[in-house]
Amino acid sequence: MTKIPAPGTPAPAFSLKRDGGGEVSLKDFAGRKLVLYFYPKANTSGCTKEAIAFNGLRQDFEAADTAILGVSADPVAAQDKFKAKYDLAFPLASDEQTEMLSDYGVWVEKSMYGRKYMGIERVTLLIDRDGTVAKVWPKVKVDGHAAEVLAAAQAL
């Protein structure tokens, strides 16, 4: 199993289907900083709270020359509904085949009520203008997280 990329290492390249149709790739963000955040499932309480928090700070992220991209294994149709419902102003990408999620080490075995299953670990990466991982937040706790990521982006 692949591990989460460590700070100082190149971010793995990816190309994924995105909300609204089309694709989004790591190379689309070349020359800008990128907040790449992974969330388990659209329209669940924690994922909704996290998306709303990032969206609420999007102008501050823009001022710090930092793009935001959310990724889950939800189908594009679910991403479209999630984005529209909460008026999210950043792209959401879909990795139903979990290849990119595996490359980033966030597709992991989880356990709930004694049942084991594969799912997405809530992880955020800050990628610098050159495509190098600058900072990683593993096992994210949603409260205050977007503001902490913003501070790191502003300092980068």
N, C-alpha and C. Protein backbone atom coordinates (compact mmCIF):
# COMPACT_ATOMS: atom_id res chain seq x y z
N MET A 1 0.84 -1.18 0.00
CA MET A 1 0.00 0.00 0.00
C MET A 1 0.89 1.24 0.00
N THR A 2 0.53 2.19 -0.83
CA THR A 2 1.28 3.43 -0.96
C THR A 2 1.04 4.32 0.25
N LYS A 3 2.07 5.02 0.66
CA LYS A 3 1.96 5.93 1.78
C LYS A 3 1.62 7.34 1.28
N ILE A 4 1.12 8.16 2.17
CA ILE A 4 0.86 9.56 1.85
C ILE A 4 2.20 10.21 1.48
N PRO A 5 2.25 10.98 0.38
CA PRO A 5 3.51 11.63 0.00
C PRO A 5 4.02 12.53 1.13
N ALA A 6 5.29 12.45 1.40
CA ALA A 6 5.90 13.24 2.47
C ALA A 6 6.27 14.63 1.97
N PRO A 7 6.30 15.62 2.87
CA PRO A 7 6.77 16.94 2.47
C PRO A 7 8.16 16.84 1.84
N GLY A 8 8.35 17.62 0.78
CA GLY A 8 9.62 17.62 0.06
C GLY A 8 9.66 16.65 -1.10
N THR A 9 8.63 15.82 -1.26
CA THR A 9 8.57 14.88 -2.38
C THR A 9 7.60 15.41 -3.44
N PRO A 10 7.80 14.99 -4.70
CA PRO A 10 6.88 15.43 -5.75
C PRO A 10 5.48 14.86 -5.53
N ALA A 11 4.47 15.68 -5.77
CA ALA A 11 3.09 15.21 -5.70
C ALA A 11 2.85 14.28 -6.90
N PRO A 12 2.25 13.11 -6.68
CA PRO A 12 1.97 12.21 -7.80
C PRO A 12 1.04 12.87 -8.83
N ALA A 13 1.37 12.71 -10.10
CA ALA A 13 0.54 13.27 -11.17
C ALA A 13 -0.82 12.57 -11.17
N PHE A 14 -1.84 13.28 -11.59
CA PHE A 14 -3.17 12.69 -11.71
C PHE A 14 -3.97 13.42 -12.77
N SER A 15 -4.98 12.75 -13.26
CA SER A 15 -5.98 13.34 -14.14
C SER A 15 -7.29 12.64 -13.80
N LEU A 16 -8.28 13.42 -13.36
CA LEU A 16 -9.54 12.87 -12.88
C LEU A 16 -10.73 13.58 -13.54
N LYS A 17 -11.85 12.87 -13.59
CA LYS A 17 -13.10 13.51 -14.00
C LYS A 17 -13.49 14.48 -12.91
N ARG A 18 -14.11 15.58 -13.33
CA ARG A 18 -14.48 16.60 -12.36
C ARG A 18 -15.93 17.01 -12.51
N ASP A 19 -16.42 17.72 -11.49
CA ASP A 19 -17.78 18.22 -11.53
C ASP A 19 -17.99 19.04 -12.80
N GLY A 20 -19.20 19.02 -13.31
CA GLY A 20 -19.51 19.81 -14.50
C GLY A 20 -19.00 19.22 -15.80
N GLY A 21 -18.34 18.05 -15.73
CA GLY A 21 -17.77 17.45 -16.94
C GLY A 21 -16.32 17.86 -17.11
N GLY A 22 -15.64 17.20 -17.98
CA GLY A 22 -14.23 17.50 -18.20
C GLY A 22 -13.35 16.80 -17.20
N GLU A 23 -12.09 17.21 -17.22
CA GLU A 23 -11.10 16.61 -16.33
C GLU A 23 -10.30 17.69 -15.64
N VAL A 24 -9.67 17.30 -14.56
CA VAL A 24 -8.76 18.17 -13.84
C VAL A 24 -7.49 17.37 -13.56
N SER A 25 -6.34 18.02 -13.75
CA SER A 25 -5.03 17.36 -13.58
C SER A 25 -4.15 18.19 -12.68
N LEU A 26 -3.16 17.54 -12.09
CA LEU A 26 -2.19 18.27 -11.27
C LEU A 26 -1.54 19.37 -12.09
N LYS A 27 -1.23 19.09 -13.36
CA LYS A 27 -0.54 20.07 -14.19
C LYS A 27 -1.38 21.34 -14.42
N ASP A 28 -2.71 21.25 -14.23
CA ASP A 28 -3.57 22.43 -14.36
C ASP A 28 -3.21 23.50 -13.33
N PHE A 29 -2.55 23.11 -12.27
CA PHE A 29 -2.24 24.03 -11.18
C PHE A 29 -0.76 24.44 -11.16
N ALA A 30 -0.03 24.10 -12.21
CA ALA A 30 1.40 24.46 -12.28
C ALA A 30 1.56 25.97 -12.12
N GLY A 31 2.51 26.35 -11.28
CA GLY A 31 2.78 27.76 -11.03
C GLY A 31 1.92 28.37 -9.94
N ARG A 32 0.99 27.58 -9.39
CA ARG A 32 0.15 28.02 -8.27
C ARG A 32 0.30 27.02 -7.14
N LYS A 33 -0.02 27.47 -5.94
CA LYS A 33 -0.10 26.54 -4.82
C LYS A 33 -1.46 25.84 -4.89
N LEU A 34 -1.51 24.63 -4.36
CA LEU A 34 -2.75 23.86 -4.40
C LEU A 34 -3.03 23.20 -3.07
N VAL A 35 -4.25 23.41 -2.58
CA VAL A 35 -4.75 22.64 -1.44
C VAL A 35 -5.49 21.46 -2.05
N LEU A 36 -4.95 20.27 -1.84
CA LEU A 36 -5.56 19.04 -2.33
C LEU A 36 -6.12 18.33 -1.11
N TYR A 37 -7.45 18.32 -1.02
CA TYR A 37 -8.02 17.68 0.16
C TYR A 37 -8.90 16.51 -0.23
N PHE A 38 -8.78 15.46 0.53
CA PHE A 38 -9.50 14.21 0.29
C PHE A 38 -10.60 14.07 1.34
N TYR A 39 -11.80 13.76 0.88
CA TYR A 39 -12.92 13.61 1.82
C TYR A 39 -13.67 12.32 1.52
N PRO A 40 -14.20 11.68 2.55
CA PRO A 40 -14.82 10.36 2.39
C PRO A 40 -16.08 10.32 1.53
N LYS A 41 -17.02 11.24 1.72
CA LYS A 41 -18.28 11.13 0.98
C LYS A 41 -19.03 12.46 0.98
N ALA A 42 -19.43 12.89 -0.22
CA ALA A 42 -20.20 14.12 -0.36
C ALA A 42 -21.50 14.04 0.44
N ASN A 43 -21.91 15.18 0.96
CA ASN A 43 -23.18 15.33 1.67
C ASN A 43 -23.25 14.61 3.02
N THR A 44 -22.11 14.20 3.55
CA THR A 44 -22.09 13.71 4.93
C THR A 44 -21.70 14.90 5.81
N SER A 45 -21.98 14.83 7.08
CA SER A 45 -21.83 16.01 7.94
C SER A 45 -20.40 16.56 7.97
N GLY A 46 -19.41 15.72 8.21
CA GLY A 46 -18.03 16.21 8.28
C GLY A 46 -17.53 16.74 6.95
N CYS A 47 -17.87 16.05 5.87
CA CYS A 47 -17.41 16.47 4.54
C CYS A 47 -18.08 17.77 4.12
N THR A 48 -19.34 17.92 4.48
CA THR A 48 -20.05 19.16 4.17
C THR A 48 -19.44 20.32 4.95
N LYS A 49 -19.20 20.11 6.24
CA LYS A 49 -18.62 21.15 7.09
C LYS A 49 -17.24 21.57 6.56
N GLU A 50 -16.44 20.59 6.14
CA GLU A 50 -15.10 20.88 5.62
C GLU A 50 -15.19 21.67 4.31
N ALA A 51 -16.06 21.26 3.40
CA ALA A 51 -16.21 21.95 2.12
C ALA A 51 -16.68 23.39 2.32
N ILE A 52 -17.64 23.58 3.21
CA ILE A 52 -18.15 24.93 3.49
C ILE A 52 -17.05 25.80 4.10
N ALA A 53 -16.23 25.23 4.95
CA ALA A 53 -15.12 25.99 5.56
C ALA A 53 -14.10 26.43 4.51
N PHE A 54 -13.70 25.50 3.63
CA PHE A 54 -12.76 25.89 2.56
C PHE A 54 -13.40 26.93 1.65
N ASN A 55 -14.66 26.74 1.31
CA ASN A 55 -15.36 27.66 0.42
C ASN A 55 -15.46 29.06 1.04
N GLY A 56 -15.69 29.11 2.35
CA GLY A 56 -15.81 30.38 3.03
C GLY A 56 -14.51 31.18 3.04
N LEU A 57 -13.39 30.49 2.91
CA LEU A 57 -12.07 31.15 2.90
C LEU A 57 -11.49 31.25 1.49
N ARG A 58 -12.27 30.93 0.48
CA ARG A 58 -11.72 30.84 -0.88
C ARG A 58 -11.09 32.15 -1.36
N GLN A 59 -11.66 33.31 -0.98
CA GLN A 59 -11.06 34.57 -1.42
C GLN A 59 -9.69 34.78 -0.77
N ASP A 60 -9.55 34.34 0.47
CA ASP A 60 -8.26 34.43 1.14
C ASP A 60 -7.25 33.47 0.49
N PHE A 61 -7.72 32.28 0.11
CA PHE A 61 -6.85 31.35 -0.60
C PHE A 61 -6.44 31.95 -1.95
N GLU A 62 -7.39 32.55 -2.66
CA GLU A 62 -7.07 33.20 -3.95
C GLU A 62 -6.02 34.29 -3.75
N ALA A 63 -6.18 35.09 -2.70
CA ALA A 63 -5.22 36.16 -2.42
C ALA A 63 -3.83 35.59 -2.13
N ALA A 64 -3.78 34.35 -1.64
CA ALA A 64 -2.50 33.68 -1.37
C ALA A 64 -2.04 32.86 -2.59
N ASP A 65 -2.67 33.09 -3.74
CA ASP A 65 -2.35 32.39 -4.99
C ASP A 65 -2.41 30.87 -4.80
N THR A 66 -3.49 30.44 -4.14
CA THR A 66 -3.66 29.03 -3.81
C THR A 66 -5.02 28.54 -4.28
N ALA A 67 -5.00 27.50 -5.11
CA ALA A 67 -6.23 26.87 -5.59
C ALA A 67 -6.64 25.78 -4.60
N ILE A 68 -7.91 25.38 -4.67
CA ILE A 68 -8.45 24.32 -3.82
C ILE A 68 -9.06 23.26 -4.72
N LEU A 69 -8.78 21.99 -4.40
CA LEU A 69 -9.39 20.87 -5.13
C LEU A 69 -9.79 19.81 -4.12
N GLY A 70 -11.06 19.45 -4.12
CA GLY A 70 -11.55 18.37 -3.27
C GLY A 70 -11.68 17.10 -4.09
N VAL A 71 -11.29 15.96 -3.50
CA VAL A 71 -11.33 14.68 -4.20
C VAL A 71 -11.99 13.63 -3.32
N SER A 72 -12.91 12.87 -3.93
CA SER A 72 -13.51 11.71 -3.27
C SER A 72 -13.77 10.64 -4.32
N ALA A 73 -14.30 9.52 -3.88
CA ALA A 73 -14.63 8.44 -4.81
C ALA A 73 -16.08 8.53 -5.29
N ASP A 74 -16.78 9.59 -4.89
CA ASP A 74 -18.15 9.78 -5.34
C ASP A 74 -18.20 9.95 -6.85
N PRO A 75 -19.27 9.47 -7.50
CA PRO A 75 -19.41 9.71 -8.94
C PRO A 75 -19.58 11.20 -9.24
N VAL A 76 -19.29 11.59 -10.47
CA VAL A 76 -19.37 13.00 -10.87
C VAL A 76 -20.77 13.56 -10.59
N ALA A 77 -21.81 12.81 -10.83
CA ALA A 77 -23.18 13.30 -10.59
C ALA A 77 -23.37 13.69 -9.12
N ALA A 78 -22.82 12.90 -8.21
CA ALA A 78 -22.91 13.23 -6.79
C ALA A 78 -22.09 14.49 -6.47
N GLN A 79 -20.94 14.63 -7.12
CA GLN A 79 -20.10 15.83 -6.92
C GLN A 79 -20.86 17.07 -7.41
N ASP A 80 -21.53 16.94 -8.57
CA ASP A 80 -22.30 18.06 -9.12
C ASP A 80 -23.38 18.51 -8.13
N LYS A 81 -24.10 17.56 -7.57
CA LYS A 81 -25.19 17.89 -6.63
C LYS A 81 -24.63 18.54 -5.37
N PHE A 82 -23.54 17.98 -4.86
CA PHE A 82 -22.89 18.50 -3.64
C PHE A 82 -22.43 19.94 -3.88
N LYS A 83 -21.78 20.16 -5.01
CA LYS A 83 -21.26 21.50 -5.33
C LYS A 83 -22.40 22.51 -5.46
N ALA A 84 -23.47 22.12 -6.16
CA ALA A 84 -24.61 23.02 -6.36
C ALA A 84 -25.34 23.30 -5.04
N LYS A 85 -25.54 22.27 -4.24
CA LYS A 85 -26.29 22.41 -2.99
C LYS A 85 -25.64 23.41 -2.04
N TYR A 86 -24.30 23.42 -2.00
CA TYR A 86 -23.58 24.29 -1.07
C TYR A 86 -22.86 25.44 -1.78
N ASP A 87 -23.15 25.64 -3.07
CA ASP A 87 -22.59 26.74 -3.86
C ASP A 87 -21.07 26.81 -3.72
N LEU A 88 -20.43 25.66 -3.88
CA LEU A 88 -18.97 25.59 -3.76
C LEU A 88 -18.32 26.21 -5.00
N ALA A 89 -17.31 27.01 -4.78
CA ALA A 89 -16.67 27.75 -5.87
C ALA A 89 -15.31 27.18 -6.26
N PHE A 90 -15.07 25.92 -5.93
CA PHE A 90 -13.82 25.27 -6.32
C PHE A 90 -14.17 23.90 -6.90
N PRO A 91 -13.28 23.32 -7.70
CA PRO A 91 -13.60 22.04 -8.34
C PRO A 91 -13.58 20.86 -7.38
N LEU A 92 -14.43 19.88 -7.70
CA LEU A 92 -14.47 18.61 -7.00
C LEU A 92 -14.16 17.53 -8.03
N ALA A 93 -13.25 16.64 -7.70
CA ALA A 93 -12.85 15.59 -8.62
C ALA A 93 -13.33 14.23 -8.12
N SER A 94 -13.54 13.35 -9.08
CA SER A 94 -14.07 12.02 -8.78
C SER A 94 -13.05 10.95 -9.16
N ASP A 95 -12.74 10.07 -8.21
CA ASP A 95 -11.85 8.94 -8.49
C ASP A 95 -12.56 7.64 -8.10
N GLU A 96 -13.56 7.28 -8.90
CA GLU A 96 -14.34 6.08 -8.62
C GLU A 96 -13.48 4.81 -8.67
N GLN A 97 -12.43 4.81 -9.48
CA GLN A 97 -11.55 3.63 -9.58
C GLN A 97 -10.51 3.59 -8.47
N THR A 98 -10.40 4.65 -7.70
CA THR A 98 -9.52 4.79 -6.53
C THR A 98 -8.02 4.70 -6.86
N GLU A 99 -7.64 4.87 -8.12
CA GLU A 99 -6.22 4.81 -8.49
C GLU A 99 -5.44 5.98 -7.90
N MET A 100 -5.96 7.19 -8.09
CA MET A 100 -5.28 8.37 -7.56
C MET A 100 -5.32 8.37 -6.04
N LEU A 101 -6.47 7.96 -5.48
CA LEU A 101 -6.58 7.88 -4.02
C LEU A 101 -5.54 6.91 -3.46
N SER A 102 -5.30 5.82 -4.16
CA SER A 102 -4.27 4.86 -3.74
C SER A 102 -2.88 5.45 -3.90
N ASP A 103 -2.63 6.17 -5.01
CA ASP A 103 -1.34 6.80 -5.24
C ASP A 103 -0.98 7.78 -4.13
N TYR A 104 -2.01 8.41 -3.56
CA TYR A 104 -1.79 9.39 -2.50
C TYR A 104 -1.87 8.77 -1.11
N GLY A 105 -2.07 7.45 -1.05
CA GLY A 105 -2.06 6.76 0.24
C GLY A 105 -3.26 7.03 1.12
N VAL A 106 -4.37 7.50 0.52
CA VAL A 106 -5.55 7.84 1.34
C VAL A 106 -6.68 6.81 1.18
N TRP A 107 -6.52 5.83 0.29
CA TRP A 107 -7.49 4.74 0.15
C TRP A 107 -7.02 3.64 1.09
N VAL A 108 -7.68 3.53 2.24
CA VAL A 108 -7.18 2.68 3.32
C VAL A 108 -8.27 1.78 3.88
N GLU A 109 -7.83 0.77 4.61
CA GLU A 109 -8.78 -0.08 5.30
C GLU A 109 -9.26 0.65 6.54
N LYS A 110 -10.58 0.68 6.68
CA LYS A 110 -11.20 1.34 7.83
C LYS A 110 -12.04 0.30 8.57
N SER A 111 -12.49 0.66 9.74
CA SER A 111 -13.30 -0.25 10.53
C SER A 111 -14.39 0.53 11.24
N MET A 112 -15.62 0.01 11.16
CA MET A 112 -16.73 0.62 11.87
C MET A 112 -17.61 -0.50 12.42
N TYR A 113 -17.85 -0.45 13.71
CA TYR A 113 -18.66 -1.47 14.38
C TYR A 113 -18.14 -2.87 14.09
N GLY A 114 -16.82 -3.01 14.03
CA GLY A 114 -16.20 -4.31 13.82
C GLY A 114 -16.14 -4.76 12.37
N ARG A 115 -16.75 -3.99 11.47
CA ARG A 115 -16.74 -4.34 10.05
C ARG A 115 -15.60 -3.59 9.36
N LYS A 116 -14.78 -4.32 8.62
CA LYS A 116 -13.68 -3.70 7.89
C LYS A 116 -14.11 -3.42 6.45
N TYR A 117 -13.67 -2.29 5.93
CA TYR A 117 -14.00 -1.90 4.57
C TYR A 117 -12.95 -0.92 4.07
N MET A 118 -12.90 -0.70 2.77
CA MET A 118 -11.97 0.26 2.19
C MET A 118 -12.67 1.61 2.06
N GLY A 119 -11.95 2.67 2.40
CA GLY A 119 -12.52 4.01 2.31
C GLY A 119 -11.43 5.07 2.29
N ILE A 120 -11.85 6.30 2.24
CA ILE A 120 -10.93 7.43 2.14
C ILE A 120 -10.62 7.99 3.52
N GLU A 121 -9.33 8.12 3.79
CA GLU A 121 -8.86 8.79 5.01
C GLU A 121 -8.92 10.30 4.74
N ARG A 122 -9.46 11.06 5.67
CA ARG A 122 -9.55 12.52 5.50
C ARG A 122 -8.14 13.10 5.67
N VAL A 123 -7.56 13.52 4.55
CA VAL A 123 -6.18 14.01 4.51
C VAL A 123 -6.14 15.26 3.63
N THR A 124 -5.29 16.21 3.98
CA THR A 124 -5.09 17.40 3.15
C THR A 124 -3.60 17.56 2.87
N LEU A 125 -3.28 17.93 1.63
CA LEU A 125 -1.91 18.25 1.25
C LEU A 125 -1.86 19.66 0.71
N LEU A 126 -0.80 20.37 1.03
CA LEU A 126 -0.52 21.67 0.43
C LEU A 126 0.66 21.44 -0.52
N ILE A 127 0.42 21.73 -1.79
CA ILE A 127 1.43 21.50 -2.83
C ILE A 127 1.94 22.85 -3.31
N ASP A 128 3.24 22.99 -3.42
CA ASP A 128 3.81 24.29 -3.80
C ASP A 128 3.73 24.52 -5.31
N ARG A 129 4.21 25.66 -5.74
CA ARG A 129 4.12 26.07 -7.16
C ARG A 129 4.87 25.12 -8.10
N ASP A 130 5.83 24.38 -7.56
CA ASP A 130 6.63 23.48 -8.38
C ASP A 130 6.10 22.05 -8.36
N GLY A 131 4.98 21.81 -7.69
CA GLY A 131 4.41 20.47 -7.65
C GLY A 131 4.99 19.59 -6.56
N THR A 132 5.64 20.20 -5.58
CA THR A 132 6.23 19.47 -4.47
C THR A 132 5.30 19.58 -3.25
N VAL A 133 5.15 18.49 -2.53
CA VAL A 133 4.34 18.51 -1.32
C VAL A 133 5.04 19.38 -0.28
N ALA A 134 4.35 20.41 0.18
CA ALA A 134 4.93 21.33 1.16
C ALA A 134 4.52 20.95 2.58
N LYS A 135 3.26 20.50 2.74
CA LYS A 135 2.77 20.16 4.08
C LYS A 135 1.66 19.13 3.95
N VAL A 136 1.55 18.26 4.96
CA VAL A 136 0.52 17.23 4.98
C VAL A 136 -0.21 17.27 6.32
N TRP A 137 -1.53 17.17 6.24
CA TRP A 137 -2.37 17.04 7.43
C TRP A 137 -3.03 15.66 7.36
N PRO A 138 -2.50 14.67 8.07
CA PRO A 138 -3.13 13.35 8.06
C PRO A 138 -4.26 13.30 9.10
N LYS A 139 -5.23 12.45 8.86
CA LYS A 139 -6.33 12.24 9.82
C LYS A 139 -6.90 13.57 10.32
N VAL A 140 -7.36 14.37 9.39
CA VAL A 140 -7.86 15.72 9.65
C VAL A 140 -9.06 15.72 10.60
N LYS A 141 -9.03 16.65 11.51
CA LYS A 141 -10.20 17.01 12.32
C LYS A 141 -10.74 18.29 11.68
N VAL A 142 -12.00 18.32 11.34
CA VAL A 142 -12.56 19.38 10.51
C VAL A 142 -12.53 20.76 11.17
N ASP A 143 -12.89 20.86 12.44
CA ASP A 143 -12.97 22.16 13.10
C ASP A 143 -11.64 22.91 13.06
N GLY A 144 -11.64 24.09 12.46
CA GLY A 144 -10.45 24.93 12.38
C GLY A 144 -9.45 24.52 11.31
N HIS A 145 -9.72 23.43 10.61
CA HIS A 145 -8.74 22.91 9.65
C HIS A 145 -8.50 23.86 8.47
N ALA A 146 -9.56 24.37 7.86
CA ALA A 146 -9.39 25.23 6.68
C ALA A 146 -8.56 26.46 7.03
N ALA A 147 -8.77 27.04 8.19
CA ALA A 147 -8.01 28.22 8.61
C ALA A 147 -6.53 27.87 8.82
N GLU A 148 -6.27 26.68 9.35
CA GLU A 148 -4.89 26.23 9.55
C GLU A 148 -4.19 26.04 8.20
N VAL A 149 -4.90 25.47 7.23
CA VAL A 149 -4.33 25.27 5.89
C VAL A 149 -4.09 26.63 5.23
N LEU A 150 -5.02 27.55 5.39
CA LEU A 150 -4.84 28.90 4.83
C LEU A 150 -3.59 29.56 5.39
N ALA A 151 -3.38 29.47 6.69
CA ALA A 151 -2.19 30.08 7.30
C ALA A 151 -0.91 29.48 6.71
N ALA A 152 -0.91 28.17 6.48
CA ALA A 152 0.26 27.53 5.87
C ALA A 152 0.45 27.99 4.43
N ALA A 153 -0.64 28.14 3.70
CA ALA A 153 -0.55 28.60 2.31
C ALA A 153 -0.04 30.02 2.24
N GLN A 154 -0.48 30.86 3.16
CA GLN A 154 -0.02 32.25 3.19
C GLN A 154 1.46 32.34 3.54
N ALA A 155 1.93 31.42 4.35
CA ALA A 155 3.33 31.42 4.78
C ALA A 155 4.27 30.81 3.74
N LEU A 156 3.72 30.08 2.78
CA LEU A 156 4.53 29.38 1.78
C LEU A 156 5.01 30.32 0.70
